[in-house]
């Protein structure tokens, strides 16, 4: 399993919930919204994480900080 913590620019807080809704029924990805601009995502494998990061890059225009968790 892989996990990341993501923080997006405050000005894009309104996009976070909609973005996470895309993965709500995904068996390979679990997401948890910490606050308006921060969330955690846990993946079953590398492919699921790569797909999530690709979607993340397209969804947010401002600064996105990704921290890999252990």
PDB file of N, CA and C in Angstrom:
ATOM      1  N   UNK A   1       0.829  -1.181   0.000  1.00  0.00           N
ATOM      2  CA  UNK A   1       0.000   0.000   0.000  1.00  0.00           C
ATOM      3  C   UNK A   1       0.879   1.252   0.000  1.00  0.00           C
ATOM      4  N   UNK A   2       0.400   2.257  -0.673  1.00  0.00           N
ATOM      5  CA  UNK A   2       1.068   3.555  -0.758  1.00  0.00           C
ATOM      6  C   UNK A   2       0.092   4.617  -0.255  1.00  0.00           C
ATOM      7  N   UNK A   3       0.635   5.682   0.329  1.00  0.00           N
ATOM      8  CA  UNK A   3      -0.223   6.768   0.809  1.00  0.00           C
ATOM      9  C   UNK A   3       0.472   8.103   0.591  1.00  0.00           C
ATOM     10  N   UNK A   4      -0.338   9.127   0.298  1.00  0.00           N
ATOM     11  CA  UNK A   4       0.169  10.489   0.139  1.00  0.00           C
ATOM     12  C   UNK A   4      -0.747  11.458   0.878  1.00  0.00           C
ATOM     13  N   UNK A   5      -0.155  12.566   1.291  1.00  0.00           N
ATOM     14  CA  UNK A   5      -0.921  13.688   1.838  1.00  0.00           C
ATOM     15  C   UNK A   5      -0.815  14.811   0.821  1.00  0.00           C
ATOM     16  N   UNK A   6      -1.946  15.407   0.471  1.00  0.00           N
ATOM     17  CA  UNK A   6      -1.981  16.435  -0.560  1.00  0.00           C
ATOM     18  C   UNK A   6      -2.547  17.719   0.028  1.00  0.00           C
ATOM     19  N   UNK A   7      -1.887  18.822  -0.267  1.00  0.00           N
ATOM     20  CA  UNK A   7      -2.377  20.151   0.099  1.00  0.00           C
ATOM     21  C   UNK A   7      -2.451  20.981  -1.173  1.00  0.00           C
ATOM     22  N   UNK A   8      -3.593  21.623  -1.374  1.00  0.00           N
ATOM     23  CA  UNK A   8      -3.780  22.463  -2.558  1.00  0.00           C
ATOM     24  C   UNK A   8      -3.866  23.922  -2.130  1.00  0.00           C
ATOM     25  N   UNK A   9      -3.723  24.806  -3.092  1.00  0.00           N
ATOM     26  CA  UNK A   9      -3.801  26.238  -2.852  1.00  0.00           C
ATOM     27  C   UNK A   9      -5.166  26.600  -2.262  1.00  0.00           C
ATOM     28  N   UNK A  10      -5.182  27.494  -1.287  1.00  0.00           N
ATOM     29  CA  UNK A  10      -6.413  27.861  -0.607  1.00  0.00           C
ATOM     30  C   UNK A  10      -7.494  28.367  -1.570  1.00  0.00           C
ATOM     31  N   UNK A  11      -7.094  29.011  -2.633  1.00  0.00           N
ATOM     32  CA  UNK A  11      -8.050  29.576  -3.583  1.00  0.00           C
ATOM     33  C   UNK A  11      -8.784  28.501  -4.378  1.00  0.00           C
ATOM     34  N   UNK A  12      -8.338  27.254  -4.275  1.00  0.00           N
ATOM     35  CA  UNK A  12      -8.985  26.160  -5.000  1.00  0.00           C
ATOM     36  C   UNK A  12      -9.701  25.190  -4.066  1.00  0.00           C
ATOM     37  N   UNK A  13      -9.990  25.633  -2.853  1.00  0.00           N
ATOM     38  CA  UNK A  13     -10.622  24.756  -1.873  1.00  0.00           C
ATOM     39  C   UNK A  13     -11.961  24.199  -2.359  1.00  0.00           C
ATOM     40  N   UNK A  14     -12.659  24.950  -3.186  1.00  0.00           N
ATOM     41  CA  UNK A  14     -13.976  24.506  -3.642  1.00  0.00           C
ATOM     42  C   UNK A  14     -13.915  23.322  -4.609  1.00  0.00           C
ATOM     43  N   UNK A  15     -12.758  23.026  -5.167  1.00  0.00           N
ATOM     44  CA  UNK A  15     -12.594  21.916  -6.105  1.00  0.00           C
ATOM     45  C   UNK A  15     -12.295  20.587  -5.405  1.00  0.00           C
ATOM     46  N   UNK A  16     -11.859  20.640  -4.157  1.00  0.00           N
ATOM     47  CA  UNK A  16     -11.367  19.437  -3.481  1.00  0.00           C
ATOM     48  C   UNK A  16     -12.442  18.362  -3.352  1.00  0.00           C
ATOM     49  N   UNK A  17     -13.597  18.712  -2.834  1.00  0.00           N
ATOM     50  CA  UNK A  17     -14.640  17.714  -2.604  1.00  0.00           C
ATOM     51  C   UNK A  17     -15.093  17.057  -3.908  1.00  0.00           C
ATOM     52  N   UNK A  18     -15.252  17.827  -4.950  1.00  0.00           N
ATOM     53  CA  UNK A  18     -15.623  17.276  -6.255  1.00  0.00           C
ATOM     54  C   UNK A  18     -14.559  16.347  -6.806  1.00  0.00           C
ATOM     55  N   UNK A  19     -13.291  16.730  -6.617  1.00  0.00           N
ATOM     56  CA  UNK A  19     -12.195  15.876  -7.072  1.00  0.00           C
ATOM     57  C   UNK A  19     -12.214  14.535  -6.342  1.00  0.00           C
ATOM     58  N   UNK A  20     -12.376  14.579  -5.028  1.00  0.00           N
ATOM     59  CA  UNK A  20     -12.368  13.346  -4.245  1.00  0.00           C
ATOM     60  C   UNK A  20     -13.576  12.463  -4.552  1.00  0.00           C
ATOM     61  N   UNK A  21     -14.679  13.061  -4.961  1.00  0.00           N
ATOM     62  CA  UNK A  21     -15.872  12.285  -5.323  1.00  0.00           C
ATOM     63  C   UNK A  21     -15.603  11.335  -6.490  1.00  0.00           C
ATOM     64  N   UNK A  22     -14.668  11.692  -7.362  1.00  0.00           N
ATOM     65  CA  UNK A  22     -14.308  10.821  -8.486  1.00  0.00           C
ATOM     66  C   UNK A  22     -13.822   9.460  -8.020  1.00  0.00           C
ATOM     67  N   UNK A  23     -13.242   9.400  -6.836  1.00  0.00           N
ATOM     68  CA  UNK A  23     -12.600   8.181  -6.336  1.00  0.00           C
ATOM     69  C   UNK A  23     -13.413   7.503  -5.237  1.00  0.00           C
ATOM     70  N   UNK A  24     -14.610   7.995  -4.970  1.00  0.00           N
ATOM     71  CA  UNK A  24     -15.424   7.477  -3.871  1.00  0.00           C
ATOM     72  C   UNK A  24     -15.748   5.991  -4.011  1.00  0.00           C
ATOM     73  N   UNK A  25     -15.997   5.514  -5.223  1.00  0.00           N
ATOM     74  CA  UNK A  25     -16.355   4.108  -5.441  1.00  0.00           C
ATOM     75  C   UNK A  25     -15.207   3.285  -6.017  1.00  0.00           C
ATOM     76  N   UNK A  26     -14.011   3.812  -5.975  1.00  0.00           N
ATOM     77  CA  UNK A  26     -12.837   3.126  -6.509  1.00  0.00           C
ATOM     78  C   UNK A  26     -12.316   2.121  -5.482  1.00  0.00           C
ATOM     79  N   UNK A  27     -12.172   0.868  -5.889  1.00  0.00           N
ATOM     80  CA  UNK A  27     -11.703  -0.177  -4.977  1.00  0.00           C
ATOM     81  C   UNK A  27     -10.219  -0.064  -4.657  1.00  0.00           C
ATOM     82  N   UNK A  28      -9.452   0.608  -5.506  1.00  0.00           N
ATOM     83  CA  UNK A  28      -8.003   0.702  -5.328  1.00  0.00           C
ATOM     84  C   UNK A  28      -7.555   1.958  -4.600  1.00  0.00           C
ATOM     85  N   UNK A  29      -8.479   2.876  -4.328  1.00  0.00           N
ATOM     86  CA  UNK A  29      -8.116   4.158  -3.732  1.00  0.00           C
ATOM     87  C   UNK A  29      -9.075   4.519  -2.598  1.00  0.00           C
ATOM     88  N   UNK A  30      -8.494   4.926  -1.467  1.00  0.00           N
ATOM     89  CA  UNK A  30      -9.269   5.430  -0.343  1.00  0.00           C
ATOM     90  C   UNK A  30      -8.832   6.865  -0.088  1.00  0.00           C
ATOM     91  N   UNK A  31      -9.776   7.781   0.051  1.00  0.00           N
ATOM     92  CA  UNK A  31      -9.430   9.183   0.318  1.00  0.00           C
ATOM     93  C   UNK A  31     -10.103   9.647   1.596  1.00  0.00           C
ATOM     94  N   UNK A  32      -9.430  10.570   2.267  1.00  0.00           N
ATOM     95  CA  UNK A  32      -9.959  11.165   3.494  1.00  0.00           C
ATOM     96  C   UNK A  32      -9.653  12.651   3.466  1.00  0.00           C
ATOM     97  N   UNK A  33     -10.690  13.478   3.544  1.00  0.00           N
ATOM     98  CA  UNK A  33     -10.524  14.933   3.529  1.00  0.00           C
ATOM     99  C   UNK A  33     -10.249  15.414   4.948  1.00  0.00           C
ATOM    100  N   UNK A  34      -9.057  15.960   5.173  1.00  0.00           N
ATOM    101  CA  UNK A  34      -8.643  16.435   6.490  1.00  0.00           C
ATOM    102  C   UNK A  34      -9.268  17.797   6.780  1.00  0.00           C
ATOM    103  N   UNK A  35      -9.146  18.720   5.843  1.00  0.00           N
ATOM    104  CA  UNK A  35      -9.776  20.035   5.941  1.00  0.00           C
ATOM    105  C   UNK A  35     -10.061  20.522   4.523  1.00  0.00           C
ATOM    106  N   UNK A  36     -10.377  21.785   4.368  1.00  0.00           N
ATOM    107  CA  UNK A  36     -10.781  22.309   3.052  1.00  0.00           C
ATOM    108  C   UNK A  36      -9.730  22.162   1.967  1.00  0.00           C
ATOM    109  N   UNK A  37      -8.456  22.160   2.335  1.00  0.00           N
ATOM    110  CA  UNK A  37      -7.390  22.147   1.333  1.00  0.00           C
ATOM    111  C   UNK A  37      -6.416  20.979   1.489  1.00  0.00           C
ATOM    112  N   UNK A  38      -6.674  20.080   2.420  1.00  0.00           N
ATOM    113  CA  UNK A  38      -5.762  18.971   2.683  1.00  0.00           C
ATOM    114  C   UNK A  38      -6.521  17.652   2.695  1.00  0.00           C
ATOM    115  N   UNK A  39      -5.941  16.649   2.049  1.00  0.00           N
ATOM    116  CA  UNK A  39      -6.538  15.321   2.089  1.00  0.00           C
ATOM    117  C   UNK A  39      -5.460  14.251   2.002  1.00  0.00           C
ATOM    118  N   UNK A  40      -5.831  13.043   2.419  1.00  0.00           N
ATOM    119  CA  UNK A  40      -4.941  11.893   2.392  1.00  0.00           C
ATOM    120  C   UNK A  40      -5.540  10.881   1.425  1.00  0.00           C
ATOM    121  N   UNK A  41      -4.686  10.243   0.645  1.00  0.00           N
ATOM    122  CA  UNK A  41      -5.126   9.199  -0.280  1.00  0.00           C
ATOM    123  C   UNK A  41      -4.257   7.966  -0.079  1.00  0.00           C
ATOM    124  N   UNK A  42      -4.897   6.812   0.017  1.00  0.00           N
ATOM    125  CA  UNK A  42      -4.210   5.531   0.194  1.00  0.00           C
ATOM    126  C   UNK A  42      -4.538   4.667  -1.013  1.00  0.00           C
ATOM    127  N   UNK A  43      -3.514   4.030  -1.569  1.00  0.00           N
ATOM    128  CA  UNK A  43      -3.664   3.273  -2.812  1.00  0.00           C
ATOM    129  C   UNK A  43      -3.259   1.822  -2.622  1.00  0.00           C
ATOM    130  N   UNK A  44      -3.901   0.958  -3.406  1.00  0.00           N
ATOM    131  CA  UNK A  44      -3.592  -0.461  -3.380  1.00  0.00           C
ATOM    132  C   UNK A  44      -2.278  -0.754  -4.108  1.00  0.00           C
ATOM    133  N   UNK A  45      -1.884   0.091  -5.038  1.00  0.00           N
ATOM    134  CA  UNK A  45      -0.651  -0.149  -5.787  1.00  0.00           C
ATOM    135  C   UNK A  45      -0.167   1.093  -6.510  1.00  0.00           C
ATOM    136  N   UNK A  46       0.943   0.912  -7.215  1.00  0.00           N
ATOM    137  CA  UNK A  46       1.589   2.007  -7.942  1.00  0.00           C
ATOM    138  C   UNK A  46       0.712   2.569  -9.065  1.00  0.00           C
ATOM    139  N   UNK A  47      -0.006   1.699  -9.757  1.00  0.00           N
ATOM    140  CA  UNK A  47      -0.838   2.153 -10.877  1.00  0.00           C
ATOM    141  C   UNK A  47      -1.951   3.076 -10.395  1.00  0.00           C
ATOM    142  N   UNK A  48      -2.590   2.706  -9.301  1.00  0.00           N
ATOM    143  CA  UNK A  48      -3.661   3.537  -8.753  1.00  0.00           C
ATOM    144  C   UNK A  48      -3.118   4.893  -8.324  1.00  0.00           C
ATOM    145  N   UNK A  49      -1.923   4.907  -7.724  1.00  0.00           N
ATOM    146  CA  UNK A  49      -1.327   6.165  -7.288  1.00  0.00           C
ATOM    147  C   UNK A  49      -0.940   7.023  -8.493  1.00  0.00           C
ATOM    148  N   UNK A  50      -0.388   6.419  -9.522  1.00  0.00           N
ATOM    149  CA  UNK A  50      -0.006   7.164 -10.720  1.00  0.00           C
ATOM    150  C   UNK A  50      -1.232   7.793 -11.391  1.00  0.00           C
ATOM    151  N   UNK A  51      -2.315   7.049 -11.465  1.00  0.00           N
ATOM    152  CA  UNK A  51      -3.550   7.570 -12.053  1.00  0.00           C
ATOM    153  C   UNK A  51      -4.077   8.745 -11.219  1.00  0.00           C
ATOM    154  N   UNK A  52      -4.066   8.596  -9.905  1.00  0.00           N
ATOM    155  CA  UNK A  52      -4.543   9.647  -9.006  1.00  0.00           C
ATOM    156  C   UNK A  52      -3.710  10.917  -9.189  1.00  0.00           C
ATOM    157  N   UNK A  53      -2.408  10.774  -9.234  1.00  0.00           N
ATOM    158  CA  UNK A  53      -1.534  11.942  -9.403  1.00  0.00           C
ATOM    159  C   UNK A  53      -1.751  12.614 -10.747  1.00  0.00           C
ATOM    160  N   UNK A  54      -2.011  11.836 -11.789  1.00  0.00           N
ATOM    161  CA  UNK A  54      -2.274  12.411 -13.106  1.00  0.00           C
ATOM    162  C   UNK A  54      -3.579  13.213 -13.082  1.00  0.00           C
ATOM    163  N   UNK A  55      -4.602  12.676 -12.461  1.00  0.00           N
ATOM    164  CA  UNK A  55      -5.874  13.389 -12.341  1.00  0.00           C
ATOM    165  C   UNK A  55      -5.715  14.633 -11.476  1.00  0.00           C
ATOM    166  N   UNK A  56      -4.902  14.531 -10.456  1.00  0.00           N
ATOM    167  CA  UNK A  56      -4.625  15.653  -9.555  1.00  0.00           C
ATOM    168  C   UNK A  56      -3.985  16.810 -10.314  1.00  0.00           C
ATOM    169  N   UNK A  57      -3.032  16.495 -11.167  1.00  0.00           N
ATOM    170  CA  UNK A  57      -2.342  17.533 -11.938  1.00  0.00           C
ATOM    171  C   UNK A  57      -3.296  18.267 -12.875  1.00  0.00           C
ATOM    172  N   UNK A  58      -4.277  17.570 -13.388  1.00  0.00           N
ATOM    173  CA  UNK A  58      -5.227  18.200 -14.297  1.00  0.00           C
ATOM    174  C   UNK A  58      -6.343  18.955 -13.601  1.00  0.00           C
ATOM    175  N   UNK A  59      -6.600  18.619 -12.350  1.00  0.00           N
ATOM    176  CA  UNK A  59      -7.745  19.203 -11.642  1.00  0.00           C
ATOM    177  C   UNK A  59      -7.444  20.540 -10.973  1.00  0.00           C
ATOM    178  N   UNK A  60      -6.194  20.750 -10.580  1.00  0.00           N
ATOM    179  CA  UNK A  60      -5.844  21.953  -9.822  1.00  0.00           C
ATOM    180  C   UNK A  60      -4.797  22.760 -10.572  1.00  0.00           C
ATOM    181  N   UNK A  61      -5.016  24.068 -10.624  1.00  0.00           N
ATOM    182  CA  UNK A  61      -4.120  24.958 -11.360  1.00  0.00           C
ATOM    183  C   UNK A  61      -3.043  25.569 -10.473  1.00  0.00           C
ATOM    184  N   UNK A  62      -3.356  25.772  -9.194  1.00  0.00           N
ATOM    185  CA  UNK A  62      -2.413  26.393  -8.274  1.00  0.00           C
ATOM    186  C   UNK A  62      -1.396  25.385  -7.749  1.00  0.00           C
ATOM    187  N   UNK A  63      -0.688  25.795  -6.725  1.00  0.00           N
ATOM    188  CA  UNK A  63       0.337  24.947  -6.128  1.00  0.00           C
ATOM    189  C   UNK A  63      -0.293  23.740  -5.448  1.00  0.00           C
ATOM    190  N   UNK A  64       0.271  22.565  -5.718  1.00  0.00           N
ATOM    191  CA  UNK A  64      -0.159  21.317  -5.098  1.00  0.00           C
ATOM    192  C   UNK A  64       1.063  20.705  -4.426  1.00  0.00           C
ATOM    193  N   UNK A  65       0.964  20.467  -3.134  1.00  0.00           N
ATOM    194  CA  UNK A  65       2.074  19.870  -2.388  1.00  0.00           C
ATOM    195  C   UNK A  65       1.713  18.435  -2.072  1.00  0.00           C
ATOM    196  N   UNK A  66       2.563  17.510  -2.501  1.00  0.00           N
ATOM    197  CA  UNK A  66       2.341  16.082  -2.269  1.00  0.00           C
ATOM    198  C   UNK A  66       3.456  15.568  -1.377  1.00  0.00           C
ATOM    199  N   UNK A  67       3.076  14.918  -0.275  1.00  0.00           N
ATOM    200  CA  UNK A  67       4.035  14.331   0.656  1.00  0.00           C
ATOM    201  C   UNK A  67       3.722  12.834   0.732  1.00  0.00           C
ATOM    202  N   UNK A  68       4.706  12.000   0.400  1.00  0.00           N
ATOM    203  CA  UNK A  68       4.508  10.558   0.508  1.00  0.00           C
ATOM    204  C   UNK A  68       4.603  10.141   1.968  1.00  0.00           C
ATOM    205  N   UNK A  69       3.642   9.337   2.397  1.00  0.00           N
ATOM    206  CA  UNK A  69       3.586   8.869   3.777  1.00  0.00           C
ATOM    207  C   UNK A  69       4.118   7.446   3.867  1.00  0.00           C
ATOM    208  N   UNK A  70       4.592   7.098   5.031  1.00  0.00           N
ATOM    209  CA  UNK A  70       5.112   5.730   5.220  1.00  0.00           C
ATOM    210  C   UNK A  70       4.214   4.948   6.104  1.00  0.00           C
TER     211      UNK A  70
END
